[in-house]
Each structure stands twice: as structure tokens, then as C-alpha cells.
């Protein structure tokens, strides 16, 4: 019986230590998640060159614009393509400041 009591006591101590570790690690996790949120906010502020209420306004406006495009039937891919300035070369011929001969000469040089 003493053998069982010793094992029970040993396991209880391990459980207590694990509970302390869980509490400590949970607090550290919470702190790290908070820091990640703060860094993401700062990154957005830098990327959009605004902060606070202005950042909220910019994000809300962009969200509203995207929702309007979707309401008009645009897909996410089409919106992404539009945002990247992709025009599939449709207007490439419209702005040429040199002739095709000049282009051929540059390739051969």
C-alpha cells in the first residue's frame, strides 16, 4: 500500500507542476498573441500610411468598394486582377513612343 501512496503523491506533484506550467504558458501565449495583434496593427498603419480612426475609415471604405463590386457581379479573382492593374495587354498598342523598327534595332543591339 505504501508503494501506491508514494506513486500517488509523486503523480500529484507532477500534476501540480503541469498546472503551474499550463498557467505560465497560457499567460505567455496571451502576451504573445497580444504582441502579434499590435505588430499587425503597426504594419497596417505603415502600409496604408494612416492610423487610428483614419485607418478604420480607409479599411471600411475599401471593404465597401469591394462589396459594391461583388454586388455588380465581379468575382474575387476579377477584383484581384483589377487591383493588380492587369489589363491583359488590351491597351498595349495604344501607347507606343517608338516604332516597331526601333524595337527590332534594340533587340539586335
N, C-alpha and C. Protein backbone atom coordinates (compact mmCIF):
# COMPACT_ATOMS: atom_id res chain seq x y z
N UNK A 1 0.82 -1.20 0.00
CA UNK A 1 0.00 0.00 0.00
C UNK A 1 0.86 1.26 0.00
N UNK A 2 1.97 1.23 0.69
CA UNK A 2 2.87 2.38 0.74
C UNK A 2 3.42 2.69 -0.64
N UNK A 3 3.60 1.64 -1.44
CA UNK A 3 4.09 1.82 -2.80
C UNK A 3 3.10 2.65 -3.62
N UNK A 4 1.81 2.34 -3.48
CA UNK A 4 0.78 3.09 -4.20
C UNK A 4 0.69 4.53 -3.71
N UNK A 5 0.77 4.69 -2.40
CA UNK A 5 0.71 6.04 -1.83
C UNK A 5 1.85 6.91 -2.34
N UNK A 6 3.04 6.33 -2.45
CA UNK A 6 4.21 7.08 -2.93
C UNK A 6 4.01 7.48 -4.40
N UNK A 7 3.49 6.54 -5.20
CA UNK A 7 3.25 6.85 -6.61
C UNK A 7 2.16 7.90 -6.76
N UNK A 8 1.11 7.79 -5.95
CA UNK A 8 0.03 8.78 -5.99
C UNK A 8 0.57 10.16 -5.65
N UNK A 9 1.37 10.24 -4.59
CA UNK A 9 1.94 11.53 -4.18
C UNK A 9 2.86 12.09 -5.27
N UNK A 10 3.67 11.22 -5.86
CA UNK A 10 4.58 11.64 -6.93
C UNK A 10 3.78 12.18 -8.13
N UNK A 11 2.74 11.45 -8.51
CA UNK A 11 1.91 11.90 -9.64
C UNK A 11 1.16 13.18 -9.32
N UNK A 12 0.70 13.34 -8.09
CA UNK A 12 0.02 14.59 -7.70
C UNK A 12 0.97 15.78 -7.82
N UNK A 13 2.22 15.59 -7.43
CA UNK A 13 3.21 16.67 -7.56
C UNK A 13 3.45 17.00 -9.04
N UNK A 14 3.51 15.97 -9.88
CA UNK A 14 3.68 16.21 -11.32
C UNK A 14 2.50 16.98 -11.88
N UNK A 15 1.29 16.59 -11.46
CA UNK A 15 0.09 17.27 -11.93
C UNK A 15 0.11 18.74 -11.50
N UNK A 16 0.49 19.00 -10.26
CA UNK A 16 0.57 20.39 -9.78
C UNK A 16 1.58 21.19 -10.60
N UNK A 17 2.72 20.57 -10.90
CA UNK A 17 3.75 21.26 -11.70
C UNK A 17 3.22 21.52 -13.11
N UNK A 18 2.54 20.54 -13.68
CA UNK A 18 1.96 20.73 -15.01
C UNK A 18 0.93 21.86 -15.01
N UNK A 19 0.12 21.93 -13.98
CA UNK A 19 -0.88 23.01 -13.88
C UNK A 19 -0.20 24.37 -13.80
N UNK A 20 0.90 24.46 -13.04
CA UNK A 20 1.65 25.72 -12.97
C UNK A 20 2.24 26.06 -14.34
N UNK A 21 2.77 25.05 -15.02
CA UNK A 21 3.34 25.27 -16.36
C UNK A 21 2.26 25.72 -17.34
N UNK A 22 1.09 25.09 -17.27
CA UNK A 22 -0.01 25.46 -18.16
C UNK A 22 -0.41 26.91 -17.91
N UNK A 23 -0.52 27.29 -16.65
CA UNK A 23 -0.90 28.67 -16.33
C UNK A 23 0.15 29.65 -16.86
N UNK A 24 1.43 29.33 -16.61
CA UNK A 24 2.52 30.19 -17.09
C UNK A 24 2.51 30.27 -18.62
N UNK A 25 2.39 29.13 -19.27
CA UNK A 25 2.42 29.10 -20.73
C UNK A 25 1.20 29.78 -21.34
N UNK A 26 0.05 29.65 -20.68
CA UNK A 26 -1.16 30.32 -21.16
C UNK A 26 -1.00 31.83 -21.09
N UNK A 27 -0.43 32.32 -20.00
CA UNK A 27 -0.18 33.76 -19.87
C UNK A 27 0.82 34.23 -20.93
N UNK A 28 1.85 33.45 -21.18
CA UNK A 28 2.84 33.80 -22.20
C UNK A 28 2.20 33.78 -23.59
N UNK A 29 1.36 32.80 -23.85
CA UNK A 29 0.65 32.73 -25.12
C UNK A 29 -0.22 33.96 -25.32
N UNK A 30 -0.95 34.34 -24.28
CA UNK A 30 -1.82 35.51 -24.35
C UNK A 30 -0.99 36.77 -24.63
N UNK A 31 0.15 36.88 -23.97
CA UNK A 31 1.02 38.04 -24.17
C UNK A 31 1.55 38.08 -25.61
N UNK A 32 1.96 36.93 -26.12
CA UNK A 32 2.49 36.87 -27.49
C UNK A 32 1.40 37.18 -28.52
N UNK A 33 0.20 36.67 -28.32
CA UNK A 33 -0.90 36.97 -29.24
C UNK A 33 -1.23 38.46 -29.24
N UNK A 34 -1.16 39.06 -28.07
CA UNK A 34 -1.40 40.50 -27.98
C UNK A 34 -0.31 41.28 -28.73
N UNK A 35 0.91 40.84 -28.61
CA UNK A 35 2.03 41.48 -29.31
C UNK A 35 1.88 41.31 -30.82
N UNK A 36 1.45 40.13 -31.26
CA UNK A 36 1.22 39.90 -32.68
C UNK A 36 0.15 40.85 -33.20
N UNK A 37 -0.94 41.01 -32.46
CA UNK A 37 -2.00 41.94 -32.86
C UNK A 37 -1.47 43.36 -32.99
N UNK A 38 -0.66 43.76 -32.01
CA UNK A 38 -0.10 45.11 -32.03
C UNK A 38 0.81 45.31 -33.24
N UNK A 39 1.64 44.31 -33.53
CA UNK A 39 2.55 44.40 -34.67
C UNK A 39 1.78 44.40 -36.00
N UNK A 40 0.72 43.64 -36.08
CA UNK A 40 -0.11 43.65 -37.30
C UNK A 40 -0.74 45.02 -37.50
N UNK A 41 -1.20 45.62 -36.41
CA UNK A 41 -1.78 46.96 -36.49
C UNK A 41 -0.73 47.95 -36.99
N UNK A 42 0.46 47.91 -36.40
CA UNK A 42 1.53 48.82 -36.82
C UNK A 42 1.91 48.60 -38.28
N UNK A 43 1.92 47.34 -38.71
CA UNK A 43 2.23 47.03 -40.10
C UNK A 43 1.18 47.63 -41.04
N UNK A 44 -0.09 47.49 -40.68
CA UNK A 44 -1.17 48.09 -41.48
C UNK A 44 -1.05 49.61 -41.51
N UNK A 45 -0.75 50.19 -40.35
CA UNK A 45 -0.59 51.65 -40.29
C UNK A 45 0.51 52.11 -41.24
N UNK A 46 1.62 51.38 -41.23
CA UNK A 46 2.73 51.75 -42.11
C UNK A 46 2.37 51.53 -43.58
N UNK A 47 1.75 50.40 -43.87
CA UNK A 47 1.40 50.07 -45.25
C UNK A 47 0.41 51.07 -45.84
N UNK A 48 -0.58 51.48 -45.05
CA UNK A 48 -1.61 52.39 -45.54
C UNK A 48 -1.34 53.85 -45.19
N UNK A 49 -0.23 54.08 -44.48
CA UNK A 49 0.19 55.43 -44.11
C UNK A 49 -0.88 56.19 -43.35
N UNK A 50 -1.51 55.52 -42.39
CA UNK A 50 -2.50 56.17 -41.54
C UNK A 50 -2.65 55.34 -40.27
N UNK A 51 -3.36 55.88 -39.29
CA UNK A 51 -3.57 55.14 -38.05
C UNK A 51 -4.87 55.56 -37.38
N UNK A 52 -5.23 54.80 -36.37
CA UNK A 52 -6.42 55.12 -35.59
C UNK A 52 -7.69 55.18 -36.40
N UNK A 53 -8.44 56.25 -36.20
CA UNK A 53 -9.73 56.41 -36.87
C UNK A 53 -9.58 56.48 -38.38
N UNK A 54 -8.50 57.11 -38.83
CA UNK A 54 -8.27 57.20 -40.28
C UNK A 54 -8.07 55.81 -40.89
N UNK A 55 -7.33 54.95 -40.18
CA UNK A 55 -7.13 53.58 -40.65
C UNK A 55 -8.47 52.85 -40.73
N UNK A 56 -9.28 53.01 -39.71
CA UNK A 56 -10.60 52.38 -39.70
C UNK A 56 -11.44 52.86 -40.89
N UNK A 57 -11.38 54.15 -41.17
CA UNK A 57 -12.13 54.72 -42.29
C UNK A 57 -11.65 54.16 -43.63
N UNK A 58 -10.33 54.08 -43.80
CA UNK A 58 -9.75 53.56 -45.04
C UNK A 58 -10.18 52.11 -45.25
N UNK A 59 -10.06 51.30 -44.21
CA UNK A 59 -10.42 49.89 -44.33
C UNK A 59 -11.91 49.71 -44.60
N UNK A 60 -12.73 50.50 -43.94
CA UNK A 60 -14.18 50.42 -44.16
C UNK A 60 -14.53 50.82 -45.59
N UNK A 61 -13.88 51.87 -46.09
CA UNK A 61 -14.15 52.33 -47.45
C UNK A 61 -13.73 51.27 -48.48
N UNK A 62 -12.56 50.68 -48.29
CA UNK A 62 -12.11 49.64 -49.21
C UNK A 62 -13.04 48.43 -49.16
N UNK A 63 -13.47 48.06 -47.97
CA UNK A 63 -14.39 46.93 -47.83
C UNK A 63 -15.71 47.23 -48.56
N UNK A 64 -16.20 48.44 -48.39
CA UNK A 64 -17.45 48.83 -49.05
C UNK A 64 -17.30 48.80 -50.57
N UNK A 65 -16.16 49.28 -51.07
CA UNK A 65 -15.92 49.26 -52.51
C UNK A 65 -15.90 47.83 -53.05
N UNK A 66 -15.26 46.95 -52.33
CA UNK A 66 -15.21 45.55 -52.75
C UNK A 66 -16.60 44.94 -52.74
N UNK A 67 -17.38 45.24 -51.71
CA UNK A 67 -18.75 44.71 -51.63
C UNK A 67 -19.59 45.24 -52.79
N UNK A 68 -19.40 46.50 -53.16
CA UNK A 68 -20.12 47.07 -54.31
C UNK A 68 -19.74 46.35 -55.60
N UNK A 69 -18.46 46.05 -55.78
CA UNK A 69 -18.03 45.34 -56.98
C UNK A 69 -18.63 43.94 -57.02
N UNK A 70 -18.67 43.28 -55.88
CA UNK A 70 -19.27 41.94 -55.82
C UNK A 70 -20.76 42.01 -56.11
N UNK A 71 -21.41 43.06 -55.62
CA UNK A 71 -22.85 43.22 -55.87
C UNK A 71 -23.12 43.43 -57.35
N UNK A 72 -22.14 43.96 -58.07
CA UNK A 72 -22.29 44.17 -59.52
C UNK A 72 -21.87 42.93 -60.31
N UNK A 73 -21.55 41.86 -59.60
CA UNK A 73 -21.27 40.59 -60.27
C UNK A 73 -19.81 40.25 -60.44
N UNK A 74 -18.90 41.06 -59.91
CA UNK A 74 -17.48 40.75 -60.07
C UNK A 74 -17.09 39.64 -59.09
N UNK A 75 -16.19 38.77 -59.53
CA UNK A 75 -15.69 37.71 -58.67
C UNK A 75 -14.46 38.21 -57.92
N UNK A 76 -14.04 37.45 -56.90
CA UNK A 76 -12.83 37.81 -56.16
C UNK A 76 -11.62 37.86 -57.09
N UNK A 77 -11.53 36.90 -58.01
CA UNK A 77 -10.40 36.89 -58.95
C UNK A 77 -10.39 38.12 -59.84
N UNK A 78 -11.57 38.53 -60.29
CA UNK A 78 -11.65 39.72 -61.14
C UNK A 78 -11.26 40.97 -60.36
N UNK A 79 -11.68 41.04 -59.11
CA UNK A 79 -11.32 42.19 -58.26
C UNK A 79 -9.82 42.20 -58.01
N UNK A 80 -9.24 41.03 -57.72
CA UNK A 80 -7.79 40.95 -57.53
C UNK A 80 -7.05 41.39 -58.78
N UNK A 81 -7.50 40.92 -59.92
CA UNK A 81 -6.88 41.27 -61.20
C UNK A 81 -6.96 42.77 -61.44
N UNK A 82 -8.11 43.35 -61.14
CA UNK A 82 -8.30 44.79 -61.30
C UNK A 82 -7.35 45.55 -60.38
N UNK A 83 -7.21 45.08 -59.15
CA UNK A 83 -6.33 45.73 -58.19
C UNK A 83 -4.86 45.67 -58.57
N UNK A 84 -4.50 44.64 -59.32
CA UNK A 84 -3.11 44.50 -59.75
C UNK A 84 -2.83 45.27 -61.02
N UNK A 85 -3.86 45.93 -61.54
CA UNK A 85 -3.67 46.74 -62.73
C UNK A 85 -3.56 45.91 -63.99
N UNK A 86 -3.98 44.68 -63.92
CA UNK A 86 -3.89 43.80 -65.09
C UNK A 86 -4.90 44.18 -66.14
N UNK A 87 -4.43 44.35 -67.37
CA UNK A 87 -5.36 44.63 -68.47
C UNK A 87 -5.13 43.65 -69.61
N UNK A 88 -4.37 42.59 -69.34
CA UNK A 88 -4.10 41.54 -70.32
C UNK A 88 -3.53 42.09 -71.63
N UNK A 89 -2.87 43.22 -71.59
CA UNK A 89 -2.26 43.78 -72.78
C UNK A 89 -3.24 44.39 -73.75
N UNK A 90 -4.48 44.59 -73.35
CA UNK A 90 -5.51 45.13 -74.25
C UNK A 90 -5.13 46.49 -74.81
N UNK A 91 -4.46 47.28 -74.00
CA UNK A 91 -4.19 48.66 -74.40
C UNK A 91 -2.71 48.88 -74.70
N UNK A 92 -1.98 47.81 -74.83
CA UNK A 92 -0.54 47.90 -75.04
C UNK A 92 -0.20 48.65 -76.32
N UNK A 93 -0.97 48.43 -77.39
CA UNK A 93 -0.69 49.07 -78.67
C UNK A 93 -1.04 50.56 -78.68
N UNK A 94 -1.83 51.00 -77.76
CA UNK A 94 -2.29 52.39 -77.79
C UNK A 94 -1.21 53.38 -77.40
N UNK A 95 -0.24 52.97 -76.63
CA UNK A 95 0.80 53.90 -76.22
C UNK A 95 2.16 53.37 -76.64
N UNK A 96 2.60 53.76 -77.78
CA UNK A 96 3.89 53.35 -78.27
C UNK A 96 4.65 54.61 -78.67
N UNK A 97 5.79 54.84 -78.03
CA UNK A 97 6.56 56.04 -78.29
C UNK A 97 7.68 55.80 -79.30
N UNK A 98 7.71 54.60 -79.84
CA UNK A 98 8.71 54.28 -80.85
C UNK A 98 8.10 53.28 -81.82
N UNK A 99 8.73 53.17 -82.96
CA UNK A 99 8.20 52.27 -83.99
C UNK A 99 8.68 50.85 -83.72
N UNK A 100 8.07 49.91 -84.41
CA UNK A 100 8.49 48.52 -84.29
C UNK A 100 9.91 48.35 -84.81
N UNK A 101 10.31 49.16 -85.78
CA UNK A 101 11.67 49.10 -86.31
C UNK A 101 12.68 49.45 -85.22
N UNK A 102 12.36 50.49 -84.43
CA UNK A 102 13.23 50.87 -83.32
C UNK A 102 13.35 49.72 -82.33
N UNK A 103 12.23 49.05 -82.08
CA UNK A 103 12.22 47.93 -81.14
C UNK A 103 13.10 46.80 -81.66
N UNK A 104 13.01 46.52 -82.97
CA UNK A 104 13.84 45.47 -83.58
C UNK A 104 15.32 45.82 -83.47
N UNK A 105 15.66 47.09 -83.66
CA UNK A 105 17.06 47.53 -83.57
C UNK A 105 17.58 47.33 -82.15
N UNK A 106 16.75 47.63 -81.15
CA UNK A 106 17.16 47.47 -79.76
C UNK A 106 17.38 46.00 -79.41
N UNK A 107 16.60 45.11 -79.99
CA UNK A 107 16.76 43.69 -79.72
C UNK A 107 18.05 43.15 -80.33
N UNK A 108 18.43 43.69 -81.49
CA UNK A 108 19.63 43.22 -82.17
C UNK A 108 20.90 43.82 -81.61
N UNK A 109 20.80 44.87 -80.85
CA UNK A 109 21.98 45.57 -80.33
C UNK A 109 22.64 44.81 -79.21
